[in-house]
């Protein structure tokens, strides 16, 4: 299990206790036998050091600070997430695939990372993302098909109404039937066709 924190934060947020009677989520997984890891994305306080002196977020010279902060979310997705996964698998030894759990920024860079990696299915079993910082594009599900924000709101409302909690979840066959029926009724049936053809990373 690899936990990836949100924006303006670091891995310590996963240790905030909101209910003193409950174990932390990482503790719960560890007690169930999972190997639990916490990522600190670049720019967070624990990850501010750099191998090169010319990259210093608190350096005396402007070029040091500019060099360090010259990255964006795509760099985190394309480089950092993959590096974290590979490190976990290398250190663990027995781990074949990892489960990624992201919140906020973490839930944004994880799907970005997986969408750009042809090898994702080789080392990721599943991804759980809470409160991602992005609005999905209709083209994500049906390339070439324009889905308006109103239609996305309708889909979200239908998911809530029919208690569809997860794409490809345990009741996916039933949920997909519901989605396809709604698609035909409201004019976005291509979404059904595309979702039917999507290959899961964990297969």
N, C-alpha and C. Protein backbone atom coordinates (compact mmCIF):
# COMPACT_ATOMS: atom_id res chain seq x y z
N UNK A 1 0.85 -1.17 0.00
CA UNK A 1 0.00 0.00 0.00
C UNK A 1 0.90 1.24 0.00
N UNK A 2 0.66 2.13 -0.96
CA UNK A 2 1.43 3.37 -1.02
C UNK A 2 0.46 4.54 -0.90
N UNK A 3 0.62 5.34 0.14
CA UNK A 3 -0.24 6.50 0.36
C UNK A 3 0.45 7.76 -0.18
N UNK A 4 -0.28 8.54 -0.96
CA UNK A 4 0.27 9.76 -1.56
C UNK A 4 -0.57 10.95 -1.10
N UNK A 5 0.08 11.89 -0.45
CA UNK A 5 -0.61 13.01 0.21
C UNK A 5 -1.14 14.06 -0.76
N UNK A 6 -1.83 15.05 -0.19
CA UNK A 6 -2.43 16.13 -0.97
C UNK A 6 -1.55 17.35 -1.09
N UNK A 7 -2.11 18.40 -1.70
CA UNK A 7 -1.38 19.65 -1.95
C UNK A 7 -1.07 20.36 -0.64
N UNK A 8 0.04 21.10 -0.66
CA UNK A 8 0.48 21.88 0.51
C UNK A 8 0.57 21.03 1.77
N UNK A 9 1.02 19.81 1.61
CA UNK A 9 1.05 18.89 2.74
C UNK A 9 2.22 17.92 2.57
N UNK A 10 2.24 16.89 3.40
CA UNK A 10 3.23 15.83 3.28
C UNK A 10 2.65 14.56 3.88
N UNK A 11 3.45 13.52 3.98
CA UNK A 11 2.94 12.23 4.43
C UNK A 11 2.38 12.24 5.84
N UNK A 12 2.74 13.24 6.64
CA UNK A 12 2.26 13.29 8.02
C UNK A 12 0.74 13.44 8.11
N UNK A 13 0.10 13.91 7.02
CA UNK A 13 -1.36 14.07 7.07
C UNK A 13 -2.07 12.74 7.25
N UNK A 14 -1.42 11.65 6.83
CA UNK A 14 -2.05 10.35 6.99
C UNK A 14 -2.03 9.89 8.44
N UNK A 15 -1.36 10.67 9.32
CA UNK A 15 -1.29 10.31 10.73
C UNK A 15 -2.19 11.18 11.60
N UNK A 16 -2.96 12.08 10.97
CA UNK A 16 -3.90 12.90 11.72
C UNK A 16 -5.07 12.03 12.17
N UNK A 17 -5.34 12.05 13.44
CA UNK A 17 -6.40 11.21 14.00
C UNK A 17 -7.66 12.05 14.21
N UNK A 18 -8.73 11.68 13.50
CA UNK A 18 -10.00 12.41 13.65
C UNK A 18 -10.92 11.72 14.64
N UNK A 19 -10.68 10.45 14.89
CA UNK A 19 -11.46 9.70 15.87
C UNK A 19 -10.49 8.91 16.75
N UNK A 20 -10.37 9.29 18.02
CA UNK A 20 -9.39 8.63 18.90
C UNK A 20 -9.66 7.15 19.12
N UNK A 21 -10.87 6.70 18.81
CA UNK A 21 -11.22 5.30 19.03
C UNK A 21 -10.90 4.41 17.84
N UNK A 22 -10.48 5.02 16.72
CA UNK A 22 -10.19 4.25 15.52
C UNK A 22 -8.70 4.26 15.21
N UNK A 23 -8.21 3.16 14.65
CA UNK A 23 -6.82 3.12 14.20
C UNK A 23 -6.67 3.95 12.94
N UNK A 24 -5.47 4.48 12.72
CA UNK A 24 -5.18 5.19 11.48
C UNK A 24 -5.31 4.22 10.31
N UNK A 25 -5.64 4.76 9.14
CA UNK A 25 -5.86 3.90 7.99
C UNK A 25 -4.64 3.05 7.65
N UNK A 26 -3.46 3.64 7.75
CA UNK A 26 -2.24 2.88 7.49
C UNK A 26 -2.03 1.78 8.50
N UNK A 27 -2.34 2.08 9.76
CA UNK A 27 -2.22 1.08 10.83
C UNK A 27 -3.17 -0.09 10.59
N UNK A 28 -4.38 0.24 10.14
CA UNK A 28 -5.36 -0.81 9.87
C UNK A 28 -4.83 -1.76 8.80
N UNK A 29 -4.29 -1.20 7.73
CA UNK A 29 -3.75 -2.05 6.65
C UNK A 29 -2.55 -2.86 7.14
N UNK A 30 -1.69 -2.23 7.93
CA UNK A 30 -0.51 -2.94 8.44
C UNK A 30 -0.93 -4.11 9.33
N UNK A 31 -1.95 -3.91 10.15
CA UNK A 31 -2.44 -4.96 11.03
C UNK A 31 -3.06 -6.11 10.23
N UNK A 32 -3.50 -5.81 9.01
CA UNK A 32 -4.06 -6.85 8.15
C UNK A 32 -2.98 -7.55 7.32
N UNK A 33 -1.72 -7.13 7.53
CA UNK A 33 -0.61 -7.80 6.87
C UNK A 33 -0.05 -7.11 5.65
N UNK A 34 -0.54 -5.91 5.35
CA UNK A 34 -0.03 -5.19 4.19
C UNK A 34 1.27 -4.46 4.54
N UNK A 35 2.13 -4.30 3.55
CA UNK A 35 3.33 -3.48 3.68
C UNK A 35 2.90 -2.05 3.36
N UNK A 36 3.05 -1.12 4.30
CA UNK A 36 2.52 0.24 4.15
C UNK A 36 3.65 1.24 3.96
N UNK A 37 3.51 2.06 2.92
CA UNK A 37 4.50 3.09 2.61
C UNK A 37 3.79 4.43 2.45
N UNK A 38 4.54 5.51 2.77
CA UNK A 38 4.01 6.86 2.62
C UNK A 38 4.96 7.66 1.74
N UNK A 39 4.44 8.25 0.68
CA UNK A 39 5.26 9.05 -0.23
C UNK A 39 5.27 10.51 0.23
N UNK A 40 6.40 11.19 0.04
CA UNK A 40 6.49 12.63 0.19
C UNK A 40 6.83 13.21 -1.18
N UNK A 41 5.86 13.86 -1.80
CA UNK A 41 6.09 14.41 -3.13
C UNK A 41 7.09 15.55 -3.09
N UNK A 42 7.78 15.77 -4.19
CA UNK A 42 8.78 16.85 -4.24
C UNK A 42 8.12 18.19 -3.90
N UNK A 43 8.83 19.00 -3.16
CA UNK A 43 8.30 20.29 -2.71
C UNK A 43 7.76 20.25 -1.30
N UNK A 44 7.40 19.06 -0.81
CA UNK A 44 6.95 18.95 0.58
C UNK A 44 8.16 19.09 1.50
N UNK A 45 7.93 19.42 2.75
CA UNK A 45 9.03 19.70 3.67
C UNK A 45 10.02 18.54 3.77
N UNK A 46 9.57 17.27 3.90
CA UNK A 46 10.56 16.18 4.00
C UNK A 46 11.33 15.94 2.71
N UNK A 47 10.85 16.50 1.59
CA UNK A 47 11.51 16.24 0.30
C UNK A 47 12.17 17.48 -0.29
N UNK A 48 12.58 18.38 0.56
CA UNK A 48 13.14 19.63 0.05
C UNK A 48 14.65 19.55 -0.21
N UNK A 49 15.29 18.52 0.28
CA UNK A 49 16.72 18.38 0.02
C UNK A 49 16.93 17.86 -1.39
N UNK A 50 18.11 18.13 -1.95
CA UNK A 50 18.41 17.71 -3.31
C UNK A 50 19.86 17.27 -3.38
N UNK A 51 20.16 16.31 -4.25
CA UNK A 51 21.53 15.82 -4.38
C UNK A 51 22.47 16.89 -4.91
N UNK A 52 21.94 17.81 -5.70
CA UNK A 52 22.77 18.86 -6.30
C UNK A 52 22.63 20.17 -5.52
N UNK A 53 23.75 20.77 -5.17
CA UNK A 53 23.73 22.03 -4.42
C UNK A 53 23.09 23.15 -5.23
N UNK A 54 23.10 23.01 -6.55
CA UNK A 54 22.52 24.06 -7.39
C UNK A 54 21.00 24.03 -7.37
N UNK A 55 20.41 22.97 -6.76
CA UNK A 55 18.96 22.88 -6.60
C UNK A 55 18.65 23.00 -5.11
N UNK A 56 18.32 24.20 -4.66
CA UNK A 56 18.08 24.43 -3.24
C UNK A 56 16.89 25.37 -3.09
N UNK A 57 15.76 24.87 -2.56
CA UNK A 57 14.56 25.71 -2.46
C UNK A 57 14.75 26.88 -1.50
N UNK A 58 15.74 26.77 -0.61
CA UNK A 58 16.00 27.84 0.35
C UNK A 58 17.38 28.45 0.14
N UNK A 59 17.92 28.27 -1.07
CA UNK A 59 19.27 28.73 -1.35
C UNK A 59 19.42 30.25 -1.32
N UNK A 60 20.66 30.69 -1.17
CA UNK A 60 20.95 32.13 -1.12
C UNK A 60 20.83 32.78 -2.49
N UNK A 61 20.92 31.98 -3.53
CA UNK A 61 20.92 32.54 -4.87
C UNK A 61 19.63 32.18 -5.62
N UNK A 62 19.18 33.11 -6.44
CA UNK A 62 17.94 32.93 -7.18
C UNK A 62 17.99 31.69 -8.08
N UNK A 63 19.13 31.43 -8.73
CA UNK A 63 19.21 30.30 -9.64
C UNK A 63 19.01 28.98 -8.90
N UNK A 64 19.44 28.91 -7.62
CA UNK A 64 19.23 27.69 -6.83
C UNK A 64 17.74 27.46 -6.59
N UNK A 65 17.06 28.52 -6.19
CA UNK A 65 15.62 28.40 -5.91
C UNK A 65 14.84 28.13 -7.19
N UNK A 66 15.19 28.82 -8.27
CA UNK A 66 14.48 28.65 -9.54
C UNK A 66 14.68 27.24 -10.08
N UNK A 67 15.88 26.71 -9.95
CA UNK A 67 16.16 25.36 -10.45
C UNK A 67 15.34 24.32 -9.70
N UNK A 68 15.25 24.49 -8.37
CA UNK A 68 14.53 23.51 -7.57
C UNK A 68 13.04 23.51 -7.90
N UNK A 69 12.46 24.71 -7.99
CA UNK A 69 11.01 24.80 -8.16
C UNK A 69 10.56 24.68 -9.61
N UNK A 70 11.46 24.37 -10.51
CA UNK A 70 11.10 24.26 -11.93
C UNK A 70 10.53 22.86 -12.22
N UNK A 71 9.33 22.60 -11.72
CA UNK A 71 8.64 21.34 -11.99
C UNK A 71 7.14 21.59 -11.89
N UNK A 72 6.36 20.64 -12.39
CA UNK A 72 4.92 20.76 -12.30
C UNK A 72 4.30 19.39 -11.99
N UNK A 73 2.98 19.33 -12.00
CA UNK A 73 2.29 18.08 -11.66
C UNK A 73 2.65 16.95 -12.62
N UNK A 74 2.91 17.29 -13.87
CA UNK A 74 3.27 16.26 -14.83
C UNK A 74 4.59 15.59 -14.45
N UNK A 75 5.53 16.37 -13.95
CA UNK A 75 6.81 15.80 -13.51
C UNK A 75 6.60 14.84 -12.34
N UNK A 76 5.72 15.24 -11.42
CA UNK A 76 5.40 14.36 -10.29
C UNK A 76 4.81 13.05 -10.80
N UNK A 77 3.91 13.16 -11.78
CA UNK A 77 3.23 11.98 -12.32
C UNK A 77 4.19 11.09 -13.10
N UNK A 78 4.96 11.70 -13.98
CA UNK A 78 5.80 10.94 -14.90
C UNK A 78 7.07 10.40 -14.25
N UNK A 79 7.56 11.08 -13.21
CA UNK A 79 8.83 10.67 -12.61
C UNK A 79 8.68 10.19 -11.17
N UNK A 80 8.03 10.98 -10.34
CA UNK A 80 8.03 10.71 -8.90
C UNK A 80 7.22 9.47 -8.53
N UNK A 81 5.99 9.37 -9.06
CA UNK A 81 5.15 8.23 -8.70
C UNK A 81 5.81 6.92 -9.13
N UNK A 82 6.32 6.90 -10.35
CA UNK A 82 7.00 5.68 -10.83
C UNK A 82 8.21 5.35 -9.97
N UNK A 83 8.98 6.38 -9.58
CA UNK A 83 10.16 6.15 -8.75
C UNK A 83 9.77 5.57 -7.39
N UNK A 84 8.69 6.07 -6.82
CA UNK A 84 8.22 5.57 -5.52
C UNK A 84 7.82 4.11 -5.63
N UNK A 85 7.04 3.77 -6.65
CA UNK A 85 6.59 2.40 -6.84
C UNK A 85 7.78 1.46 -7.02
N UNK A 86 8.70 1.85 -7.87
CA UNK A 86 9.86 1.00 -8.13
C UNK A 86 10.71 0.81 -6.87
N UNK A 87 10.83 1.86 -6.05
CA UNK A 87 11.60 1.75 -4.81
C UNK A 87 10.93 0.80 -3.83
N UNK A 88 9.61 0.91 -3.71
CA UNK A 88 8.87 0.04 -2.79
C UNK A 88 9.04 -1.42 -3.20
N UNK A 89 8.87 -1.70 -4.49
CA UNK A 89 8.99 -3.08 -4.97
C UNK A 89 10.42 -3.60 -4.80
N UNK A 90 11.40 -2.71 -5.01
CA UNK A 90 12.81 -3.10 -4.85
C UNK A 90 13.13 -3.44 -3.40
N UNK A 91 12.70 -2.59 -2.47
CA UNK A 91 13.01 -2.79 -1.06
C UNK A 91 12.23 -3.97 -0.49
N UNK A 92 10.96 -4.08 -0.86
CA UNK A 92 10.13 -5.14 -0.32
C UNK A 92 10.59 -6.52 -0.76
N UNK A 93 10.92 -6.65 -2.02
CA UNK A 93 11.42 -7.93 -2.51
C UNK A 93 10.33 -8.89 -2.92
N UNK A 94 9.33 -9.10 -2.05
CA UNK A 94 8.25 -10.05 -2.34
C UNK A 94 7.07 -9.40 -3.05
N UNK A 95 7.04 -8.09 -3.06
CA UNK A 95 5.90 -7.36 -3.62
C UNK A 95 5.92 -7.43 -5.15
N UNK A 96 4.83 -7.86 -5.73
CA UNK A 96 4.71 -7.92 -7.19
C UNK A 96 3.96 -6.72 -7.74
N UNK A 97 2.92 -6.31 -7.01
CA UNK A 97 2.12 -5.16 -7.43
C UNK A 97 1.77 -4.32 -6.21
N UNK A 98 1.58 -3.02 -6.45
CA UNK A 98 1.27 -2.10 -5.36
C UNK A 98 -0.13 -1.52 -5.53
N UNK A 99 -0.75 -1.19 -4.42
CA UNK A 99 -2.01 -0.45 -4.41
C UNK A 99 -1.69 0.99 -4.07
N UNK A 100 -2.15 1.92 -4.89
CA UNK A 100 -1.90 3.34 -4.67
C UNK A 100 -3.14 4.00 -4.09
N UNK A 101 -2.95 4.78 -3.02
CA UNK A 101 -4.06 5.51 -2.41
C UNK A 101 -3.67 6.98 -2.37
N UNK A 102 -4.41 7.82 -3.09
CA UNK A 102 -4.08 9.23 -3.17
C UNK A 102 -5.19 10.12 -2.66
N UNK A 103 -4.79 11.26 -2.13
CA UNK A 103 -5.76 12.27 -1.70
C UNK A 103 -5.39 13.61 -2.32
N UNK A 104 -6.38 14.33 -2.85
CA UNK A 104 -6.18 15.67 -3.39
C UNK A 104 -5.11 15.66 -4.50
N UNK A 105 -3.97 16.27 -4.25
CA UNK A 105 -2.89 16.27 -5.24
C UNK A 105 -2.45 14.85 -5.58
N UNK A 106 -2.36 14.00 -4.56
CA UNK A 106 -1.99 12.61 -4.79
C UNK A 106 -2.99 11.92 -5.71
N UNK A 107 -4.27 12.24 -5.53
CA UNK A 107 -5.32 11.65 -6.37
C UNK A 107 -5.34 12.26 -7.76
N UNK A 108 -4.57 13.30 -7.97
CA UNK A 108 -4.46 13.92 -9.29
C UNK A 108 -3.29 13.35 -10.06
N UNK A 109 -2.14 13.23 -9.39
CA UNK A 109 -0.95 12.76 -10.10
C UNK A 109 -0.96 11.25 -10.33
N UNK A 110 -1.67 10.49 -9.51
CA UNK A 110 -1.70 9.04 -9.70
C UNK A 110 -2.38 8.66 -11.01
N UNK A 111 -3.61 9.14 -11.28
CA UNK A 111 -4.22 8.80 -12.58
C UNK A 111 -3.39 9.32 -13.76
N UNK A 112 -2.79 10.49 -13.58
CA UNK A 112 -1.91 11.05 -14.61
C UNK A 112 -0.76 10.09 -14.88
N UNK A 113 -0.15 9.60 -13.80
CA UNK A 113 0.99 8.68 -13.94
C UNK A 113 0.58 7.39 -14.63
N UNK A 114 -0.54 6.82 -14.21
CA UNK A 114 -0.98 5.54 -14.76
C UNK A 114 -1.39 5.67 -16.22
N UNK A 115 -1.96 6.82 -16.58
CA UNK A 115 -2.41 7.00 -17.96
C UNK A 115 -1.24 7.12 -18.93
N UNK A 116 -0.06 7.44 -18.41
CA UNK A 116 1.10 7.66 -19.28
C UNK A 116 2.10 6.51 -19.25
N UNK A 117 1.80 5.49 -18.48
CA UNK A 117 2.74 4.38 -18.36
C UNK A 117 2.17 3.12 -18.98
N UNK A 118 2.85 2.61 -20.00
CA UNK A 118 2.42 1.36 -20.62
C UNK A 118 2.72 0.17 -19.72
N UNK A 119 3.56 0.37 -18.70
CA UNK A 119 3.95 -0.73 -17.82
C UNK A 119 3.14 -0.75 -16.53
N UNK A 120 2.14 0.15 -16.42
CA UNK A 120 1.40 0.27 -15.16
C UNK A 120 0.81 -1.06 -14.71
N UNK A 121 0.26 -1.83 -15.66
CA UNK A 121 -0.38 -3.09 -15.28
C UNK A 121 0.62 -4.06 -14.68
N UNK A 122 1.91 -3.85 -14.92
CA UNK A 122 2.92 -4.76 -14.41
C UNK A 122 3.20 -4.55 -12.92
N UNK A 123 2.92 -3.36 -12.42
CA UNK A 123 3.28 -3.10 -11.02
C UNK A 123 2.20 -2.43 -10.20
N UNK A 124 1.01 -2.18 -10.75
CA UNK A 124 -0.08 -1.58 -9.98
C UNK A 124 -1.29 -2.49 -10.02
N UNK A 125 -1.79 -2.87 -8.83
CA UNK A 125 -2.98 -3.73 -8.78
C UNK A 125 -4.25 -2.89 -8.81
N UNK A 126 -4.23 -1.76 -8.10
CA UNK A 126 -5.39 -0.88 -8.11
C UNK A 126 -5.00 0.50 -7.63
N UNK A 127 -5.87 1.46 -7.93
CA UNK A 127 -5.65 2.85 -7.51
C UNK A 127 -6.93 3.38 -6.87
N UNK A 128 -6.78 3.94 -5.68
CA UNK A 128 -7.92 4.52 -4.96
C UNK A 128 -7.64 6.00 -4.79
N UNK A 129 -8.50 6.86 -5.36
CA UNK A 129 -8.23 8.30 -5.36
C UNK A 129 -9.39 9.06 -4.72
N UNK A 130 -9.05 9.85 -3.69
CA UNK A 130 -10.06 10.60 -2.94
C UNK A 130 -9.88 12.10 -3.16
N UNK A 131 -10.92 12.75 -3.62
CA UNK A 131 -10.90 14.20 -3.79
C UNK A 131 -9.85 14.68 -4.76
N UNK A 132 -9.79 14.13 -5.98
CA UNK A 132 -8.78 14.61 -6.94
C UNK A 132 -9.01 16.06 -7.32
N UNK A 133 -7.91 16.76 -7.63
CA UNK A 133 -7.97 18.19 -7.96
C UNK A 133 -8.11 18.40 -9.46
N UNK A 134 -9.02 17.71 -10.10
CA UNK A 134 -9.20 17.94 -11.52
C UNK A 134 -10.63 17.62 -11.92
N UNK A 135 -11.06 18.19 -13.03
CA UNK A 135 -12.39 17.91 -13.57
C UNK A 135 -12.19 16.99 -14.75
N UNK A 136 -12.83 15.81 -14.76
CA UNK A 136 -12.61 14.88 -15.86
C UNK A 136 -13.13 15.42 -17.18
N UNK A 137 -12.41 15.12 -18.22
CA UNK A 137 -12.79 15.48 -19.57
C UNK A 137 -13.62 14.35 -20.15
N UNK A 138 -14.71 14.67 -20.82
CA UNK A 138 -15.54 13.65 -21.42
C UNK A 138 -14.77 12.76 -22.36
N UNK A 139 -13.74 13.31 -23.00
CA UNK A 139 -12.94 12.52 -23.94
C UNK A 139 -12.17 11.41 -23.25
N UNK A 140 -12.08 11.48 -21.91
CA UNK A 140 -11.39 10.43 -21.17
C UNK A 140 -12.07 9.09 -21.41
N UNK A 141 -13.40 9.09 -21.46
CA UNK A 141 -14.14 7.85 -21.61
C UNK A 141 -14.52 7.56 -23.05
N UNK A 142 -14.72 8.59 -23.83
CA UNK A 142 -15.14 8.38 -25.21
C UNK A 142 -14.42 9.36 -26.12
N UNK A 143 -13.22 9.01 -26.59
CA UNK A 143 -12.46 9.91 -27.44
C UNK A 143 -13.27 10.38 -28.64
N UNK A 144 -13.26 11.68 -28.86
CA UNK A 144 -13.99 12.25 -29.99
C UNK A 144 -15.43 12.60 -29.65
N UNK A 145 -15.92 12.14 -28.51
CA UNK A 145 -17.28 12.45 -28.10
C UNK A 145 -17.25 13.59 -27.08
N UNK A 146 -17.95 14.66 -27.37
CA UNK A 146 -17.97 15.79 -26.46
C UNK A 146 -19.09 15.62 -25.44
N UNK A 147 -18.71 15.60 -24.18
CA UNK A 147 -19.70 15.50 -23.10
C UNK A 147 -19.65 16.81 -22.33
N UNK A 148 -20.78 17.46 -22.22
CA UNK A 148 -20.84 18.77 -21.57
C UNK A 148 -20.76 18.61 -20.05
N UNK A 149 -20.51 19.74 -19.36
CA UNK A 149 -20.51 19.71 -17.90
C UNK A 149 -21.86 19.31 -17.36
N UNK A 150 -22.94 19.71 -18.08
CA UNK A 150 -24.28 19.34 -17.65
C UNK A 150 -24.47 17.82 -17.71
N UNK A 151 -23.93 17.20 -18.77
CA UNK A 151 -24.04 15.75 -18.88
C UNK A 151 -23.20 15.05 -17.82
N UNK A 152 -22.01 15.62 -17.52
CA UNK A 152 -21.20 15.05 -16.45
C UNK A 152 -21.92 15.12 -15.12
N UNK A 153 -22.62 16.26 -14.87
CA UNK A 153 -23.40 16.40 -13.65
C UNK A 153 -24.52 15.36 -13.61
N UNK A 154 -25.12 15.10 -14.77
CA UNK A 154 -26.18 14.11 -14.86
C UNK A 154 -25.65 12.72 -14.55
N UNK A 155 -24.48 12.40 -15.11
CA UNK A 155 -23.86 11.10 -14.84
C UNK A 155 -23.56 10.96 -13.35
N UNK A 156 -23.00 12.02 -12.77
CA UNK A 156 -22.67 11.97 -11.34
C UNK A 156 -23.94 11.78 -10.51
N UNK A 157 -25.00 12.50 -10.88
CA UNK A 157 -26.27 12.35 -10.16
C UNK A 157 -26.83 10.95 -10.28
N UNK A 158 -26.69 10.36 -11.48
CA UNK A 158 -27.17 8.99 -11.69
C UNK A 158 -26.37 8.01 -10.85
N UNK A 159 -25.05 8.23 -10.78
CA UNK A 159 -24.21 7.35 -9.95
C UNK A 159 -24.67 7.41 -8.50
N UNK A 160 -24.95 8.62 -8.01
CA UNK A 160 -25.41 8.76 -6.63
C UNK A 160 -26.76 8.08 -6.44
N UNK A 161 -27.68 8.31 -7.38
CA UNK A 161 -29.04 7.78 -7.26
C UNK A 161 -29.04 6.26 -7.24
N UNK A 162 -28.22 5.65 -8.11
CA UNK A 162 -28.17 4.19 -8.20
C UNK A 162 -27.09 3.57 -7.32
N UNK A 163 -26.49 4.40 -6.45
CA UNK A 163 -25.45 3.93 -5.52
C UNK A 163 -24.30 3.23 -6.22
N UNK A 164 -23.88 3.79 -7.37
CA UNK A 164 -22.69 3.28 -8.05
C UNK A 164 -21.49 3.97 -7.44
N UNK A 165 -20.72 3.23 -6.65
CA UNK A 165 -19.65 3.84 -5.87
C UNK A 165 -18.30 3.77 -6.56
N UNK A 166 -18.15 2.90 -7.55
CA UNK A 166 -16.83 2.72 -8.12
C UNK A 166 -16.94 2.18 -9.54
N UNK A 167 -16.14 2.76 -10.46
CA UNK A 167 -16.00 2.16 -11.76
C UNK A 167 -15.23 0.86 -11.59
N UNK A 168 -15.69 -0.21 -12.20
CA UNK A 168 -15.05 -1.52 -12.14
C UNK A 168 -15.05 -2.12 -10.74
N UNK A 169 -16.04 -1.73 -9.92
CA UNK A 169 -16.14 -2.29 -8.57
C UNK A 169 -16.72 -3.69 -8.59
N UNK A 170 -17.01 -4.25 -7.41
CA UNK A 170 -17.48 -5.64 -7.32
C UNK A 170 -18.82 -5.90 -8.01
N UNK A 171 -19.65 -4.85 -8.15
CA UNK A 171 -20.94 -5.02 -8.83
C UNK A 171 -20.92 -4.37 -10.21
N UNK A 172 -19.75 -4.42 -10.86
CA UNK A 172 -19.56 -3.70 -12.10
C UNK A 172 -20.50 -4.14 -13.22
N UNK A 173 -20.78 -5.43 -13.33
CA UNK A 173 -21.65 -5.91 -14.39
C UNK A 173 -23.03 -5.25 -14.31
N UNK A 174 -23.58 -5.19 -13.11
CA UNK A 174 -24.87 -4.54 -12.90
C UNK A 174 -24.77 -3.04 -13.14
N UNK A 175 -23.70 -2.42 -12.60
CA UNK A 175 -23.51 -0.98 -12.75
C UNK A 175 -23.36 -0.59 -14.21
N UNK A 176 -22.61 -1.41 -14.97
CA UNK A 176 -22.41 -1.11 -16.38
C UNK A 176 -23.73 -1.15 -17.13
N UNK A 177 -24.59 -2.10 -16.78
CA UNK A 177 -25.91 -2.16 -17.40
C UNK A 177 -26.70 -0.89 -17.16
N UNK A 178 -26.60 -0.38 -15.93
CA UNK A 178 -27.29 0.87 -15.59
C UNK A 178 -26.73 2.04 -16.39
N UNK A 179 -25.39 2.11 -16.47
CA UNK A 179 -24.74 3.19 -17.21
C UNK A 179 -25.14 3.14 -18.68
N UNK A 180 -25.16 1.94 -19.26
CA UNK A 180 -25.51 1.80 -20.67
C UNK A 180 -26.95 2.21 -20.93
N UNK A 181 -27.85 1.84 -20.02
CA UNK A 181 -29.25 2.23 -20.17
C UNK A 181 -29.40 3.75 -20.12
N UNK A 182 -28.70 4.38 -19.16
CA UNK A 182 -28.75 5.84 -19.05
C UNK A 182 -28.13 6.49 -20.28
N UNK A 183 -27.05 5.88 -20.78
CA UNK A 183 -26.39 6.43 -21.95
C UNK A 183 -27.30 6.47 -23.16
N UNK A 184 -28.06 5.38 -23.36
CA UNK A 184 -29.00 5.34 -24.48
C UNK A 184 -30.12 6.35 -24.30
N UNK A 185 -30.57 6.51 -23.06
CA UNK A 185 -31.68 7.44 -22.80
C UNK A 185 -31.27 8.90 -22.98
N UNK A 186 -30.03 9.21 -22.60
CA UNK A 186 -29.62 10.62 -22.58
C UNK A 186 -28.59 10.98 -23.65
N UNK A 187 -28.32 10.05 -24.58
CA UNK A 187 -27.54 10.41 -25.75
C UNK A 187 -26.04 10.34 -25.61
N UNK A 188 -25.53 9.54 -24.67
CA UNK A 188 -24.08 9.35 -24.61
C UNK A 188 -23.76 7.86 -24.52
N UNK A 189 -24.39 7.10 -25.43
CA UNK A 189 -24.21 5.66 -25.45
C UNK A 189 -22.79 5.22 -25.75
N UNK A 190 -22.01 6.07 -26.44
CA UNK A 190 -20.62 5.71 -26.74
C UNK A 190 -19.80 5.50 -25.48
N UNK A 191 -20.22 6.16 -24.38
CA UNK A 191 -19.52 5.96 -23.11
C UNK A 191 -19.63 4.50 -22.70
N UNK A 192 -20.80 3.91 -22.89
CA UNK A 192 -21.00 2.50 -22.56
C UNK A 192 -20.06 1.61 -23.36
N UNK A 193 -19.99 1.85 -24.65
CA UNK A 193 -19.13 1.04 -25.52
C UNK A 193 -17.67 1.13 -25.10
N UNK A 194 -17.24 2.36 -24.78
CA UNK A 194 -15.84 2.57 -24.40
C UNK A 194 -15.52 1.90 -23.08
N UNK A 195 -16.41 2.06 -22.10
CA UNK A 195 -16.18 1.45 -20.79
C UNK A 195 -16.14 -0.07 -20.90
N UNK A 196 -16.94 -0.62 -21.79
CA UNK A 196 -16.96 -2.07 -21.96
C UNK A 196 -15.60 -2.58 -22.46
N UNK A 197 -14.93 -1.75 -23.26
CA UNK A 197 -13.68 -2.17 -23.87
C UNK A 197 -12.44 -1.87 -23.03
N UNK A 198 -12.61 -1.09 -21.96
CA UNK A 198 -11.44 -0.72 -21.15
C UNK A 198 -10.85 -1.95 -20.46
N UNK A 199 -9.56 -2.07 -20.51
CA UNK A 199 -8.87 -3.21 -19.89
C UNK A 199 -8.34 -2.78 -18.54
N UNK A 200 -8.67 -3.51 -17.50
CA UNK A 200 -8.25 -3.14 -16.16
C UNK A 200 -6.76 -3.34 -15.99
N UNK A 201 -6.14 -2.47 -15.19
CA UNK A 201 -4.71 -2.59 -14.91
C UNK A 201 -4.38 -3.90 -14.19
N UNK A 202 -5.33 -4.38 -13.40
CA UNK A 202 -5.02 -5.53 -12.56
C UNK A 202 -5.15 -6.85 -13.29
N UNK A 203 -5.64 -6.86 -14.54
CA UNK A 203 -5.79 -8.12 -15.26
C UNK A 203 -4.42 -8.68 -15.68
